[in-house]
Amino acid sequence: MANCGEPETRRDLRVFEDKYELTTDLAEYISQLSESSVNDRGCFTVALSGRSLIRLLDISERTYCGCRKLSEAPYKKTVDWTKWYVFWADERAVAKNHVDSNYKLTKDVFLSKVSILSNHIFSINDNATVEDAAREYEFTIRQLVKVRTIGVSESNDCPKFDLILLGLGPDGHVASLFPHHPALELREEWVTYITDSPEPPPERITFALPVINSASNVAIVAIGEENAMAVQLSILTDDGKFDACSLPARLIRPDNGKLVWFLDALAASALNDNNGEPDKL
């Protein structure tokens, strides 16, 4: 197993009473990053990950949404959607119209409701093998880095996305990077594939850790009591007493960017037992 070191990073911990308050702040956070990136670079590159996270962007599913979401007022009209470039930090190797497809879910609950240009939406090739799909996706990203649609990291040659949005699994996985999986060791690849996901479907593509940690901004979203222990271990555990590779979320430490945790009170509940009462926004 590779040495899974944990560099220092700028971290912002945001805890909310419920998921409605969380999603309101998350929408504002994304909107502000979008505006800043468009003003600075002329575009906004964002990579999505996690089905529960994608549902948080939805207006129609009230179990996941508050009254202010990216796909409704005021953001639907104030965000410059034509400057957005959308990617997936992980995807299942299934057809685009398959119920397990992250692309399909994103399209149904978010992309179909906003005016992002179709040629600015980059999904995987669902007609290729998972290995070829990962290779093609990396090639696409490399071409966009060459023309600086996607920025490049100051510390390495990795792409520098303006924002990578990650969900958190109860086992601490992010994207499709699972505990103790060999994919955590990769340092040269930008996009890789797995064929043995512990959660179905087994075949997936995923950004490698160096790409995630090269982003300008990374947000990890966790909701619900089932994620409380993973949140606690990711944030509070003494680095010297913990094998970080057993909890991939601990390895998300942007090199020159900022990490923000968005937690509802249930996901943050285990923090109270170890670090006092977390601030709620």
Protein backbone atom coordinates (compact mmCIF):
# COMPACT_ATOMS: atom_id res chain seq x y z
CA MET A 1 0.00 0.00 0.00
CA ALA A 2 1.32 3.44 -0.91
CA ASN A 3 2.12 5.96 1.76
CA CYS A 4 -1.10 7.85 2.22
CA GLY A 5 0.28 11.05 3.69
CA GLU A 6 -2.01 13.80 4.87
CA PRO A 7 -0.78 17.33 4.03
CA GLU A 8 -2.13 20.38 5.76
CA THR A 9 -5.04 22.10 4.04
CA ARG A 10 -7.41 25.00 4.50
CA ARG A 11 -10.63 23.53 5.84
CA ASP A 12 -14.00 25.08 6.52
CA LEU A 13 -16.53 23.10 8.56
CA ARG A 14 -20.18 24.14 8.11
CA VAL A 15 -22.88 22.47 10.19
CA PHE A 16 -26.60 23.08 9.66
CA GLU A 17 -29.70 22.18 11.62
CA ASP A 18 -31.15 20.24 8.69
CA LYS A 19 -30.59 19.44 5.04
CA TYR A 20 -32.85 22.28 3.90
CA GLU A 21 -30.58 24.90 5.45
CA LEU A 22 -27.57 23.00 4.13
CA THR A 23 -28.78 22.93 0.55
CA THR A 24 -29.64 26.64 0.67
CA ASP A 25 -26.09 27.48 1.72
CA LEU A 26 -24.62 24.97 -0.73
CA ALA A 27 -26.46 26.63 -3.61
CA GLU A 28 -25.16 30.05 -2.55
CA TYR A 29 -21.63 28.66 -2.17
CA ILE A 30 -21.67 27.19 -5.70
CA SER A 31 -23.19 30.37 -7.14
CA GLN A 32 -20.47 32.52 -5.60
CA LEU A 33 -17.70 30.24 -6.86
CA SER A 34 -19.26 30.28 -10.30
CA GLU A 35 -19.36 34.07 -10.39
CA SER A 36 -15.79 34.37 -9.15
CA SER A 37 -14.43 31.83 -11.64
CA VAL A 38 -16.28 33.39 -14.59
CA ASN A 39 -14.94 36.82 -13.63
CA ASP A 40 -11.38 35.52 -13.22
CA ARG A 41 -11.10 32.94 -16.01
CA GLY A 42 -14.17 33.33 -18.19
CA CYS A 43 -15.62 29.93 -17.28
CA PHE A 44 -16.52 27.64 -14.38
CA THR A 45 -15.43 23.99 -14.34
CA VAL A 46 -17.26 21.73 -11.90
CA ALA A 47 -17.11 17.98 -11.32
CA LEU A 48 -20.02 16.23 -9.61
CA SER A 49 -20.02 13.01 -7.65
CA GLY A 50 -22.43 10.98 -5.57
CA ARG A 51 -26.09 10.27 -6.21
CA SER A 52 -27.37 11.70 -2.92
CA LEU A 53 -25.32 14.83 -3.58
CA ILE A 54 -26.73 15.19 -7.08
CA ARG A 55 -30.24 14.96 -5.64
CA LEU A 56 -29.44 17.94 -3.42
CA LEU A 57 -29.32 20.05 -6.58
CA ASP A 58 -32.86 19.01 -7.50
CA ILE A 59 -35.90 21.26 -7.16
CA SER A 60 -38.57 18.59 -7.51
CA GLU A 61 -37.61 16.18 -4.73
CA ARG A 62 -38.72 17.99 -1.61
CA THR A 63 -37.23 15.37 0.67
CA TYR A 64 -33.83 16.66 -0.37
CA CYS A 65 -34.47 20.31 -1.14
CA GLY A 66 -35.10 23.62 0.52
CA CYS A 67 -36.71 26.60 -1.15
CA ARG A 68 -33.55 27.93 -2.81
CA LYS A 69 -31.71 25.68 -5.20
CA LEU A 70 -29.49 26.20 -8.15
CA SER A 71 -32.22 25.21 -10.56
CA GLU A 72 -34.75 27.76 -9.36
CA ALA A 73 -34.88 31.47 -8.55
CA PRO A 74 -32.76 33.40 -8.04
CA TYR A 75 -29.94 31.23 -9.39
CA LYS A 76 -31.71 30.00 -12.49
CA LYS A 77 -31.53 33.54 -13.88
CA THR A 78 -28.52 35.02 -12.11
CA VAL A 79 -25.95 32.26 -12.72
CA ASP A 80 -24.19 32.47 -16.09
CA TRP A 81 -24.89 28.87 -17.06
CA THR A 82 -23.36 29.28 -20.53
CA LYS A 83 -19.93 29.52 -18.86
CA TRP A 84 -20.31 26.25 -16.98
CA TYR A 85 -18.37 23.11 -17.96
CA VAL A 86 -19.73 20.01 -16.20
CA PHE A 87 -17.83 16.78 -15.48
CA TRP A 88 -18.26 13.77 -13.24
CA ALA A 89 -15.67 12.88 -10.60
CA ASP A 90 -17.00 9.35 -10.80
CA GLU A 91 -19.48 7.45 -12.90
CA ARG A 92 -20.92 3.97 -13.16
CA ALA A 93 -20.07 2.00 -16.32
CA VAL A 94 -23.67 1.70 -17.47
CA ALA A 95 -25.71 3.13 -20.32
CA LYS A 96 -26.57 6.82 -20.05
CA ASN A 97 -30.25 5.95 -19.78
CA HIS A 98 -29.68 3.33 -17.08
CA VAL A 99 -31.21 3.92 -13.66
CA ASP A 100 -27.73 3.66 -12.06
CA SER A 101 -26.18 6.31 -14.31
CA ASN A 102 -24.99 9.44 -12.51
CA TYR A 103 -25.30 11.26 -15.82
CA LYS A 104 -28.98 10.31 -16.14
CA LEU A 105 -29.74 11.39 -12.59
CA THR A 106 -27.91 14.68 -13.04
CA LYS A 107 -29.71 15.34 -16.31
CA ASP A 108 -33.12 14.51 -14.86
CA VAL A 109 -32.83 16.51 -11.66
CA PHE A 110 -30.51 19.37 -12.61
CA LEU A 111 -29.16 19.75 -16.14
CA SER A 112 -32.61 19.67 -17.74
CA LYS A 113 -33.65 22.64 -15.59
CA VAL A 114 -30.80 25.04 -16.42
CA SER A 115 -29.28 26.37 -19.63
CA ILE A 116 -25.84 24.79 -19.63
CA LEU A 117 -24.63 24.33 -23.22
CA SER A 118 -24.79 20.71 -24.37
CA ASN A 119 -21.20 20.81 -25.64
CA HIS A 120 -20.08 21.91 -22.18
CA ILE A 121 -21.35 18.68 -20.59
CA PHE A 122 -18.75 15.90 -20.56
CA SER A 123 -20.05 12.43 -19.77
CA ILE A 124 -18.21 9.15 -20.18
CA ASN A 125 -18.47 7.00 -23.32
CA ASP A 126 -21.07 4.42 -22.35
CA ASN A 127 -20.35 2.34 -25.45
CA ALA A 128 -16.75 1.61 -24.44
CA THR A 129 -15.29 -0.81 -21.93
CA VAL A 130 -14.76 0.71 -18.50
CA GLU A 131 -11.00 0.77 -19.13
CA ASP A 132 -11.36 2.53 -22.47
CA ALA A 133 -13.97 4.90 -21.06
CA ALA A 134 -11.55 6.00 -18.33
CA ARG A 135 -8.76 6.47 -20.85
CA GLU A 136 -10.99 8.51 -23.17
CA TYR A 137 -12.26 10.66 -20.32
CA GLU A 138 -8.73 11.48 -19.22
CA PHE A 139 -7.81 12.34 -22.82
CA THR A 140 -10.78 14.73 -23.04
CA ILE A 141 -9.73 16.45 -19.82
CA ARG A 142 -6.12 16.71 -21.02
CA GLN A 143 -7.26 18.43 -24.21
CA LEU A 144 -9.26 20.96 -22.18
CA VAL A 145 -6.25 21.58 -19.94
CA LYS A 146 -4.12 22.30 -22.99
CA VAL A 147 -6.41 25.14 -24.03
CA ARG A 148 -6.83 26.20 -20.37
CA THR A 149 -10.59 25.69 -20.28
CA ILE A 150 -9.59 23.68 -17.24
CA GLY A 151 -6.78 25.25 -15.25
CA VAL A 152 -3.54 23.50 -14.35
CA SER A 153 -2.18 22.98 -10.86
CA GLU A 154 0.72 25.15 -9.73
CA SER A 155 2.40 22.19 -8.01
CA ASN A 156 1.95 19.47 -10.64
CA ASP A 157 0.51 18.98 -14.12
CA CYS A 158 -2.90 17.89 -12.86
CA PRO A 159 -6.09 19.63 -13.96
CA LYS A 160 -7.28 22.32 -11.59
CA PHE A 161 -11.06 22.24 -11.52
CA ASP A 162 -12.76 25.28 -10.04
CA LEU A 163 -14.92 23.01 -7.89
CA ILE A 164 -15.19 19.30 -7.20
CA LEU A 165 -18.33 18.31 -5.30
CA LEU A 166 -18.14 15.04 -3.38
CA GLY A 167 -20.61 13.03 -1.38
CA LEU A 168 -19.47 10.91 1.58
CA GLY A 169 -20.31 7.26 2.08
CA PRO A 170 -20.73 5.64 5.50
CA ASP A 171 -17.48 3.76 4.90
CA GLY A 172 -15.69 7.04 4.22
CA HIS A 173 -15.45 6.62 0.45
CA VAL A 174 -15.57 9.60 -1.88
CA ALA A 175 -16.08 9.52 -5.65
CA SER A 176 -15.45 5.81 -6.36
CA LEU A 177 -12.37 5.67 -4.15
CA PHE A 178 -13.06 2.99 -1.56
CA PRO A 179 -11.16 2.02 1.60
CA HIS A 180 -7.85 0.22 0.96
CA HIS A 181 -8.52 0.05 -2.77
CA PRO A 182 -5.43 0.06 -5.03
CA ALA A 183 -6.88 3.09 -6.84
CA LEU A 184 -5.86 5.14 -3.80
CA GLU A 185 -2.22 4.50 -4.72
CA LEU A 186 -2.36 6.03 -8.20
CA ARG A 187 -0.30 9.16 -8.71
CA GLU A 188 0.20 9.45 -12.49
CA GLU A 189 -3.29 8.72 -13.81
CA TRP A 190 -5.90 11.45 -13.78
CA VAL A 191 -8.85 9.13 -14.35
CA THR A 192 -8.91 5.46 -13.47
CA TYR A 193 -11.38 2.60 -13.40
CA ILE A 194 -12.39 -0.12 -10.99
CA THR A 195 -14.17 -3.41 -11.61
CA ASP A 196 -14.73 -4.45 -8.01
CA SER A 197 -16.75 -1.71 -6.34
CA PRO A 198 -18.10 -2.95 -3.00
CA GLU A 199 -21.34 -1.23 -3.95
CA PRO A 200 -23.20 -2.10 -7.18
CA PRO A 201 -22.62 -1.67 -10.00
CA PRO A 202 -19.05 -3.01 -9.77
CA GLU A 203 -17.54 -1.23 -12.80
CA ARG A 204 -16.89 2.51 -12.42
CA ILE A 205 -14.56 5.27 -13.44
CA THR A 206 -13.25 7.79 -10.95
CA PHE A 207 -10.91 10.75 -10.63
CA ALA A 208 -7.65 9.80 -8.94
CA LEU A 209 -6.70 11.48 -5.66
CA PRO A 210 -4.12 13.88 -7.18
CA VAL A 211 -6.80 15.35 -9.45
CA ILE A 212 -9.22 15.89 -6.59
CA ASN A 213 -6.51 17.45 -4.45
CA SER A 214 -5.46 19.77 -7.26
CA ALA A 215 -8.86 21.50 -7.40
CA SER A 216 -9.24 25.12 -6.36
CA ASN A 217 -12.21 24.14 -4.21
CA VAL A 218 -13.46 20.81 -2.91
CA ALA A 219 -16.75 20.41 -1.06
CA ILE A 220 -17.66 17.25 0.81
CA VAL A 221 -21.34 16.91 1.69
CA ALA A 222 -22.61 14.49 4.33
CA ILE A 223 -26.20 14.12 5.48
CA GLY A 224 -27.74 11.73 7.95
CA GLU A 225 -26.75 9.82 11.06
CA GLU A 226 -25.44 6.90 8.98
CA ASN A 227 -22.51 9.13 7.99
CA ALA A 228 -21.75 10.44 11.50
CA MET A 229 -18.93 8.02 12.30
CA ALA A 230 -17.24 8.55 8.93
CA VAL A 231 -17.43 12.31 9.50
CA GLN A 232 -15.97 11.99 12.99
CA LEU A 233 -13.09 9.80 11.84
CA SER A 234 -12.41 11.99 8.80
CA ILE A 235 -12.21 15.21 10.78
CA LEU A 236 -11.16 14.46 14.35
CA THR A 237 -9.05 11.31 14.56
CA ASP A 238 -5.39 11.79 15.48
CA ASP A 239 -3.42 11.41 12.24
CA GLY A 240 -0.70 9.44 13.97
CA LYS A 241 -3.11 6.78 15.21
CA PHE A 242 -5.12 6.19 12.07
CA ASP A 243 -4.55 4.49 8.74
CA ALA A 244 -5.86 7.16 6.41
CA CYS A 245 -6.17 4.68 3.53
CA SER A 246 -8.98 2.98 5.44
CA LEU A 247 -10.99 6.20 5.14
CA PRO A 248 -10.47 7.88 1.75
CA ALA A 249 -12.20 11.10 2.83
CA ARG A 250 -9.19 11.78 5.09
CA LEU A 251 -7.04 11.90 1.98
CA ILE A 252 -8.96 14.82 0.49
CA ARG A 253 -6.54 17.63 1.26
CA PRO A 254 -6.33 20.18 -1.60
CA ASP A 255 -2.72 21.13 -2.28
CA ASN A 256 -3.36 24.80 -2.99
CA GLY A 257 -7.12 24.93 -2.65
CA LYS A 258 -9.81 25.02 -0.02
CA LEU A 259 -11.83 22.18 1.46
CA VAL A 260 -15.34 22.82 2.77
CA TRP A 261 -17.42 20.28 4.68
CA PHE A 262 -21.21 20.70 4.51
CA LEU A 263 -22.88 18.69 7.29
CA ASP A 264 -26.37 18.48 8.67
CA ALA A 265 -26.77 18.08 12.44
CA LEU A 266 -27.17 14.31 12.21
CA ALA A 267 -24.00 13.83 10.18
CA ALA A 268 -22.15 16.07 12.64
CA SER A 269 -23.61 14.44 15.74
CA ALA A 270 -20.52 12.37 16.58
CA LEU A 271 -18.36 15.50 16.54
CA ASN A 272 -20.15 16.72 19.68
CA ASP A 273 -18.80 13.81 21.68
CA ASN A 274 -15.19 14.60 20.83
CA ASN A 275 -14.83 18.27 20.10
CA GLY A 276 -17.66 20.07 21.83
CA GLU A 277 -20.73 21.49 20.15
CA PRO A 278 -20.01 22.33 16.49
CA ASP A 279 -21.14 25.68 15.22
CA LYS A 280 -24.42 25.51 13.32
CA LEU A 281 -25.17 28.04 10.61
